[in-house]
Amino acid sequence: MFYLLKTEPSVYSFEDLQRDKQTVWDGVTNPAAVKNLREMKAGDQLIIYHTGDEKRAIGTATVVSVDASDPKKPMTKIKAGRGLEVSKTLAEMKADARFKDSPLLRQSRLSVVPLTDRQYKFLVGSD
């Protein structure tokens, strides 16, 4: 599976994740986003997306483990991947037909968004 994780870069940026190498993705309170965190499995591929003034996909990460014993606060550990060679902006995603039904565009406040294989490939530049 593939997911996009939104973060405010002034709070925790992709560069912070690269420095830390691993982190627990927490602070998520939206029920739909929490559900998406609970459904993650080790090995799932992630896109890290900067919100705020940037509004762009910036890098990749991988799910290391998920402890969903507390269904309201799953402990999802992720490890840093690489920065994207070409970051994709929100405007580019809105203009691309692959995202027309995406919760990324329909539920803009959702901080953990499932991605299709085609959406993930577009964001990492392999499609």
N, C-alpha and C. Protein backbone atom coordinates (compact mmCIF):
# COMPACT_ATOMS: atom_id res chain seq x y z
N MET A 1 0.84 -1.19 0.00
CA MET A 1 0.00 0.00 0.00
C MET A 1 0.88 1.24 0.00
N PHE A 2 0.24 2.32 -0.38
CA PHE A 2 0.92 3.61 -0.47
C PHE A 2 0.10 4.65 0.26
N TYR A 3 0.79 5.56 0.95
CA TYR A 3 0.13 6.63 1.68
C TYR A 3 0.93 7.92 1.52
N LEU A 4 0.22 9.03 1.68
CA LEU A 4 0.85 10.34 1.74
C LEU A 4 0.64 10.87 3.15
N LEU A 5 1.73 11.33 3.78
CA LEU A 5 1.68 11.88 5.13
C LEU A 5 1.96 13.38 5.04
N LYS A 6 1.04 14.17 5.55
CA LYS A 6 1.21 15.62 5.54
C LYS A 6 1.88 16.08 6.83
N THR A 7 2.77 17.04 6.69
CA THR A 7 3.42 17.63 7.85
C THR A 7 3.71 19.10 7.58
N GLU A 8 3.60 19.89 8.61
CA GLU A 8 3.98 21.31 8.53
C GLU A 8 5.49 21.36 8.70
N PRO A 9 6.23 21.81 7.69
CA PRO A 9 7.69 21.76 7.77
C PRO A 9 8.30 22.54 8.93
N SER A 10 7.61 23.57 9.42
CA SER A 10 8.15 24.31 10.57
C SER A 10 8.00 23.51 11.87
N VAL A 11 7.15 22.48 11.86
CA VAL A 11 6.97 21.62 13.03
C VAL A 11 7.86 20.38 12.93
N TYR A 12 7.75 19.65 11.82
CA TYR A 12 8.59 18.47 11.57
C TYR A 12 8.70 18.29 10.07
N SER A 13 9.87 18.57 9.53
CA SER A 13 10.08 18.55 8.08
C SER A 13 10.66 17.21 7.63
N PHE A 14 10.66 17.02 6.33
CA PHE A 14 11.30 15.84 5.76
C PHE A 14 12.78 15.82 6.12
N GLU A 15 13.40 16.98 6.16
CA GLU A 15 14.80 17.07 6.55
C GLU A 15 15.00 16.60 7.99
N ASP A 16 14.03 16.90 8.86
CA ASP A 16 14.08 16.40 10.24
C ASP A 16 14.03 14.87 10.25
N LEU A 17 13.15 14.30 9.43
CA LEU A 17 13.04 12.84 9.35
C LEU A 17 14.35 12.24 8.84
N GLN A 18 14.95 12.85 7.84
CA GLN A 18 16.23 12.34 7.34
C GLN A 18 17.30 12.40 8.41
N ARG A 19 17.32 13.48 9.18
CA ARG A 19 18.29 13.62 10.26
C ARG A 19 18.06 12.54 11.32
N ASP A 20 16.78 12.34 11.70
CA ASP A 20 16.44 11.38 12.75
C ASP A 20 16.49 9.93 12.26
N LYS A 21 16.41 9.72 10.96
CA LYS A 21 16.38 8.41 10.30
C LYS A 21 15.08 7.65 10.53
N GLN A 22 14.52 7.69 11.75
CA GLN A 22 13.24 7.06 12.06
C GLN A 22 12.47 7.94 13.03
N THR A 23 11.14 7.80 13.00
CA THR A 23 10.31 8.51 13.96
C THR A 23 8.98 7.79 14.09
N VAL A 24 8.26 8.10 15.15
CA VAL A 24 6.88 7.64 15.29
C VAL A 24 6.00 8.76 14.77
N TRP A 25 5.14 8.44 13.81
CA TRP A 25 4.24 9.45 13.24
C TRP A 25 3.06 9.60 14.17
N ASP A 26 3.01 10.71 14.90
CA ASP A 26 1.96 10.89 15.90
C ASP A 26 1.34 12.27 15.76
N GLY A 27 0.46 12.60 16.66
CA GLY A 27 -0.21 13.88 16.63
C GLY A 27 -1.41 13.90 15.70
N VAL A 28 -1.77 12.76 15.16
CA VAL A 28 -2.90 12.66 14.23
C VAL A 28 -4.18 12.44 15.04
N THR A 29 -5.19 13.28 14.80
CA THR A 29 -6.44 13.17 15.57
C THR A 29 -7.67 12.94 14.71
N ASN A 30 -7.62 13.29 13.43
CA ASN A 30 -8.77 13.08 12.55
C ASN A 30 -9.07 11.58 12.48
N PRO A 31 -10.33 11.17 12.75
CA PRO A 31 -10.66 9.74 12.76
C PRO A 31 -10.31 9.00 11.46
N ALA A 32 -10.53 9.62 10.32
CA ALA A 32 -10.19 8.96 9.05
C ALA A 32 -8.68 8.80 8.91
N ALA A 33 -7.92 9.79 9.31
CA ALA A 33 -6.46 9.72 9.25
C ALA A 33 -5.93 8.67 10.22
N VAL A 34 -6.51 8.61 11.42
CA VAL A 34 -6.11 7.60 12.41
C VAL A 34 -6.39 6.20 11.86
N LYS A 35 -7.54 6.03 11.22
CA LYS A 35 -7.88 4.74 10.60
C LYS A 35 -6.83 4.35 9.56
N ASN A 36 -6.41 5.32 8.74
CA ASN A 36 -5.38 5.04 7.74
C ASN A 36 -4.07 4.63 8.39
N LEU A 37 -3.70 5.27 9.50
CA LEU A 37 -2.48 4.88 10.23
C LEU A 37 -2.59 3.45 10.75
N ARG A 38 -3.75 3.11 11.32
CA ARG A 38 -3.96 1.76 11.86
C ARG A 38 -3.85 0.70 10.78
N GLU A 39 -4.27 1.04 9.56
CA GLU A 39 -4.29 0.06 8.47
C GLU A 39 -2.92 -0.13 7.82
N MET A 40 -1.96 0.70 8.15
CA MET A 40 -0.63 0.56 7.55
C MET A 40 0.02 -0.73 8.01
N LYS A 41 0.91 -1.23 7.15
CA LYS A 41 1.67 -2.44 7.44
C LYS A 41 3.15 -2.15 7.21
N ALA A 42 4.00 -2.89 7.90
CA ALA A 42 5.45 -2.75 7.69
C ALA A 42 5.75 -2.94 6.21
N GLY A 43 6.56 -2.06 5.66
CA GLY A 43 6.93 -2.13 4.27
C GLY A 43 6.11 -1.23 3.36
N ASP A 44 4.97 -0.71 3.85
CA ASP A 44 4.18 0.21 3.03
C ASP A 44 5.04 1.43 2.68
N GLN A 45 4.84 1.94 1.48
CA GLN A 45 5.62 3.07 0.97
C GLN A 45 4.87 4.38 1.21
N LEU A 46 5.62 5.41 1.58
CA LEU A 46 5.03 6.69 1.97
C LEU A 46 5.62 7.84 1.17
N ILE A 47 4.79 8.85 0.98
CA ILE A 47 5.23 10.13 0.44
C ILE A 47 5.09 11.15 1.57
N ILE A 48 6.12 11.91 1.83
CA ILE A 48 6.06 12.98 2.82
C ILE A 48 5.74 14.28 2.07
N TYR A 49 4.70 14.96 2.55
CA TYR A 49 4.16 16.14 1.90
C TYR A 49 4.24 17.32 2.86
N HIS A 50 4.86 18.41 2.41
CA HIS A 50 4.93 19.61 3.23
C HIS A 50 3.70 20.48 2.99
N THR A 51 3.02 20.85 4.07
CA THR A 51 1.85 21.72 4.00
C THR A 51 2.31 23.17 4.10
N GLY A 52 1.40 24.04 4.50
CA GLY A 52 1.76 25.46 4.70
C GLY A 52 2.04 26.15 3.39
N ASP A 53 3.10 26.93 3.37
CA ASP A 53 3.44 27.70 2.18
C ASP A 53 3.96 26.82 1.04
N GLU A 54 4.47 25.62 1.36
CA GLU A 54 5.08 24.78 0.32
C GLU A 54 4.05 24.01 -0.50
N LYS A 55 3.18 23.26 0.15
CA LYS A 55 2.16 22.45 -0.52
C LYS A 55 2.76 21.60 -1.65
N ARG A 56 3.66 20.67 -1.24
CA ARG A 56 4.30 19.83 -2.24
C ARG A 56 4.82 18.53 -1.62
N ALA A 57 4.83 17.49 -2.44
CA ALA A 57 5.43 16.23 -2.05
C ALA A 57 6.94 16.42 -2.09
N ILE A 58 7.62 16.01 -1.03
CA ILE A 58 9.03 16.36 -0.89
C ILE A 58 9.97 15.14 -0.81
N GLY A 59 9.46 14.00 -0.27
CA GLY A 59 10.34 12.84 -0.11
C GLY A 59 9.57 11.57 0.14
N THR A 60 10.32 10.49 0.33
CA THR A 60 9.73 9.18 0.56
C THR A 60 10.11 8.66 1.95
N ALA A 61 9.35 7.68 2.39
CA ALA A 61 9.62 6.99 3.65
C ALA A 61 8.98 5.61 3.57
N THR A 62 9.25 4.78 4.56
CA THR A 62 8.71 3.43 4.60
C THR A 62 8.20 3.16 6.01
N VAL A 63 7.10 2.44 6.11
CA VAL A 63 6.58 2.02 7.41
C VAL A 63 7.48 0.92 7.96
N VAL A 64 7.94 1.10 9.19
CA VAL A 64 8.76 0.10 9.88
C VAL A 64 7.87 -0.83 10.68
N SER A 65 6.93 -0.25 11.44
CA SER A 65 6.04 -1.07 12.27
C SER A 65 4.81 -0.25 12.66
N VAL A 66 3.75 -0.97 13.03
CA VAL A 66 2.53 -0.33 13.49
C VAL A 66 2.06 -1.07 14.74
N ASP A 67 1.89 -0.33 15.83
CA ASP A 67 1.29 -0.86 17.04
C ASP A 67 -0.06 -0.17 17.19
N ALA A 68 -1.12 -0.91 16.87
CA ALA A 68 -2.47 -0.35 16.91
C ALA A 68 -3.22 -0.82 18.15
N SER A 69 -2.50 -1.17 19.22
CA SER A 69 -3.17 -1.64 20.43
C SER A 69 -4.05 -0.56 21.05
N ASP A 70 -3.70 0.70 20.86
CA ASP A 70 -4.59 1.81 21.23
C ASP A 70 -5.19 2.31 19.93
N PRO A 71 -6.45 1.94 19.65
CA PRO A 71 -7.03 2.27 18.35
C PRO A 71 -7.14 3.77 18.06
N LYS A 72 -7.12 4.60 19.10
CA LYS A 72 -7.21 6.05 18.88
C LYS A 72 -5.85 6.70 18.68
N LYS A 73 -4.78 5.99 19.06
CA LYS A 73 -3.43 6.54 18.91
C LYS A 73 -2.46 5.45 18.46
N PRO A 74 -2.60 5.01 17.22
CA PRO A 74 -1.67 3.98 16.75
C PRO A 74 -0.24 4.53 16.71
N MET A 75 0.70 3.68 17.05
CA MET A 75 2.12 4.05 17.04
C MET A 75 2.71 3.53 15.73
N THR A 76 2.81 4.41 14.75
CA THR A 76 3.31 4.03 13.43
C THR A 76 4.72 4.55 13.28
N LYS A 77 5.69 3.63 13.27
CA LYS A 77 7.09 4.01 13.14
C LYS A 77 7.46 3.99 11.66
N ILE A 78 8.09 5.08 11.23
CA ILE A 78 8.51 5.19 9.83
C ILE A 78 10.00 5.47 9.76
N LYS A 79 10.59 5.12 8.61
CA LYS A 79 12.01 5.45 8.40
C LYS A 79 12.12 6.28 7.13
N ALA A 80 13.08 7.17 7.15
CA ALA A 80 13.30 8.09 6.04
C ALA A 80 13.73 7.35 4.79
N GLY A 81 13.25 7.87 3.67
CA GLY A 81 13.71 7.41 2.37
C GLY A 81 14.55 8.51 1.75
N ARG A 82 14.31 8.75 0.49
CA ARG A 82 15.09 9.75 -0.22
C ARG A 82 14.21 10.95 -0.58
N GLY A 83 14.85 12.06 -0.80
CA GLY A 83 14.13 13.21 -1.30
C GLY A 83 13.72 12.96 -2.75
N LEU A 84 12.62 13.55 -3.16
CA LEU A 84 12.19 13.39 -4.54
C LEU A 84 13.09 14.22 -5.45
N GLU A 85 13.47 13.67 -6.59
CA GLU A 85 14.29 14.41 -7.55
C GLU A 85 13.55 15.65 -8.02
N VAL A 86 12.25 15.48 -8.26
CA VAL A 86 11.40 16.60 -8.66
C VAL A 86 10.16 16.56 -7.77
N SER A 87 10.04 17.53 -6.88
CA SER A 87 8.88 17.54 -6.01
C SER A 87 7.64 17.93 -6.82
N LYS A 88 6.51 17.37 -6.44
CA LYS A 88 5.25 17.65 -7.13
C LYS A 88 4.40 18.55 -6.23
N THR A 89 3.91 19.63 -6.81
CA THR A 89 3.10 20.57 -6.05
C THR A 89 1.65 20.12 -6.00
N LEU A 90 0.91 20.70 -5.07
CA LEU A 90 -0.52 20.43 -4.99
C LEU A 90 -1.20 20.82 -6.30
N ALA A 91 -0.79 21.92 -6.89
CA ALA A 91 -1.38 22.36 -8.16
C ALA A 91 -1.19 21.30 -9.25
N GLU A 92 -0.01 20.67 -9.29
CA GLU A 92 0.24 19.62 -10.28
C GLU A 92 -0.65 18.41 -10.02
N MET A 93 -0.87 18.09 -8.75
CA MET A 93 -1.74 16.96 -8.42
C MET A 93 -3.18 17.27 -8.81
N LYS A 94 -3.62 18.49 -8.54
CA LYS A 94 -4.99 18.89 -8.90
C LYS A 94 -5.20 18.83 -10.40
N ALA A 95 -4.15 19.10 -11.16
CA ALA A 95 -4.26 19.12 -12.63
C ALA A 95 -4.16 17.73 -13.25
N ASP A 96 -3.78 16.74 -12.46
CA ASP A 96 -3.57 15.39 -12.99
C ASP A 96 -4.80 14.52 -12.74
N ALA A 97 -5.29 13.87 -13.79
CA ALA A 97 -6.50 13.05 -13.70
C ALA A 97 -6.37 11.90 -12.70
N ARG A 98 -5.16 11.44 -12.43
CA ARG A 98 -4.98 10.34 -11.47
C ARG A 98 -5.47 10.70 -10.07
N PHE A 99 -5.58 12.00 -9.78
CA PHE A 99 -5.95 12.44 -8.44
C PHE A 99 -7.40 12.93 -8.35
N LYS A 100 -8.17 12.78 -9.42
CA LYS A 100 -9.52 13.38 -9.44
C LYS A 100 -10.42 12.86 -8.32
N ASP A 101 -10.26 11.61 -7.90
CA ASP A 101 -11.09 11.05 -6.83
C ASP A 101 -10.33 10.89 -5.52
N SER A 102 -9.15 11.45 -5.43
CA SER A 102 -8.30 11.27 -4.26
C SER A 102 -8.81 12.05 -3.04
N PRO A 103 -8.77 11.42 -1.87
CA PRO A 103 -9.09 12.15 -0.64
C PRO A 103 -8.15 13.34 -0.41
N LEU A 104 -6.98 13.32 -1.03
CA LEU A 104 -6.04 14.43 -0.92
C LEU A 104 -6.70 15.72 -1.41
N LEU A 105 -7.52 15.61 -2.44
CA LEU A 105 -8.18 16.78 -3.00
C LEU A 105 -9.59 16.97 -2.45
N ARG A 106 -10.26 15.87 -2.12
CA ARG A 106 -11.64 15.96 -1.64
C ARG A 106 -11.73 16.27 -0.15
N GLN A 107 -10.71 15.86 0.62
CA GLN A 107 -10.69 16.08 2.07
C GLN A 107 -9.36 16.76 2.43
N SER A 108 -9.27 18.02 2.15
CA SER A 108 -7.99 18.72 2.25
C SER A 108 -7.40 18.72 3.66
N ARG A 109 -8.21 18.52 4.68
CA ARG A 109 -7.70 18.52 6.06
C ARG A 109 -7.18 17.14 6.49
N LEU A 110 -7.35 16.14 5.65
CA LEU A 110 -6.92 14.78 5.98
C LEU A 110 -5.39 14.70 5.92
N SER A 111 -4.76 14.30 7.03
CA SER A 111 -3.30 14.34 7.11
C SER A 111 -2.61 13.02 6.75
N VAL A 112 -3.39 11.95 6.63
CA VAL A 112 -2.86 10.65 6.22
C VAL A 112 -3.78 10.16 5.11
N VAL A 113 -3.25 10.13 3.89
CA VAL A 113 -4.08 9.89 2.71
C VAL A 113 -3.60 8.64 1.97
N PRO A 114 -4.50 7.69 1.70
CA PRO A 114 -4.10 6.55 0.88
C PRO A 114 -3.85 7.01 -0.56
N LEU A 115 -2.90 6.35 -1.21
CA LEU A 115 -2.57 6.64 -2.60
C LEU A 115 -2.72 5.37 -3.42
N THR A 116 -3.08 5.53 -4.68
CA THR A 116 -3.07 4.38 -5.58
C THR A 116 -1.64 4.18 -6.08
N ASP A 117 -1.40 3.04 -6.69
CA ASP A 117 -0.10 2.74 -7.27
C ASP A 117 0.26 3.81 -8.31
N ARG A 118 -0.69 4.19 -9.14
CA ARG A 118 -0.44 5.19 -10.19
C ARG A 118 -0.13 6.57 -9.59
N GLN A 119 -0.82 6.93 -8.51
CA GLN A 119 -0.55 8.21 -7.86
C GLN A 119 0.85 8.22 -7.26
N TYR A 120 1.21 7.12 -6.58
CA TYR A 120 2.54 7.02 -5.98
C TYR A 120 3.62 7.14 -7.06
N LYS A 121 3.46 6.40 -8.15
CA LYS A 121 4.45 6.44 -9.24
C LYS A 121 4.58 7.85 -9.82
N PHE A 122 3.46 8.54 -9.97
CA PHE A 122 3.50 9.92 -10.46
C PHE A 122 4.34 10.79 -9.51
N LEU A 123 4.10 10.64 -8.20
CA LEU A 123 4.78 11.49 -7.23
C LEU A 123 6.27 11.21 -7.15
N VAL A 124 6.67 9.96 -7.31
CA VAL A 124 8.11 9.64 -7.24
C VAL A 124 8.80 9.79 -8.60
N GLY A 125 8.01 10.08 -9.63
CA GLY A 125 8.60 10.33 -10.94
C GLY A 125 8.91 9.09 -11.76
N SER A 126 8.22 7.99 -11.44
CA SER A 126 8.48 6.76 -12.23
C SER A 126 7.32 6.43 -13.15
N ASP A 127 6.43 7.39 -13.37
CA ASP A 127 5.28 7.15 -14.26
C ASP A 127 5.08 8.34 -15.17
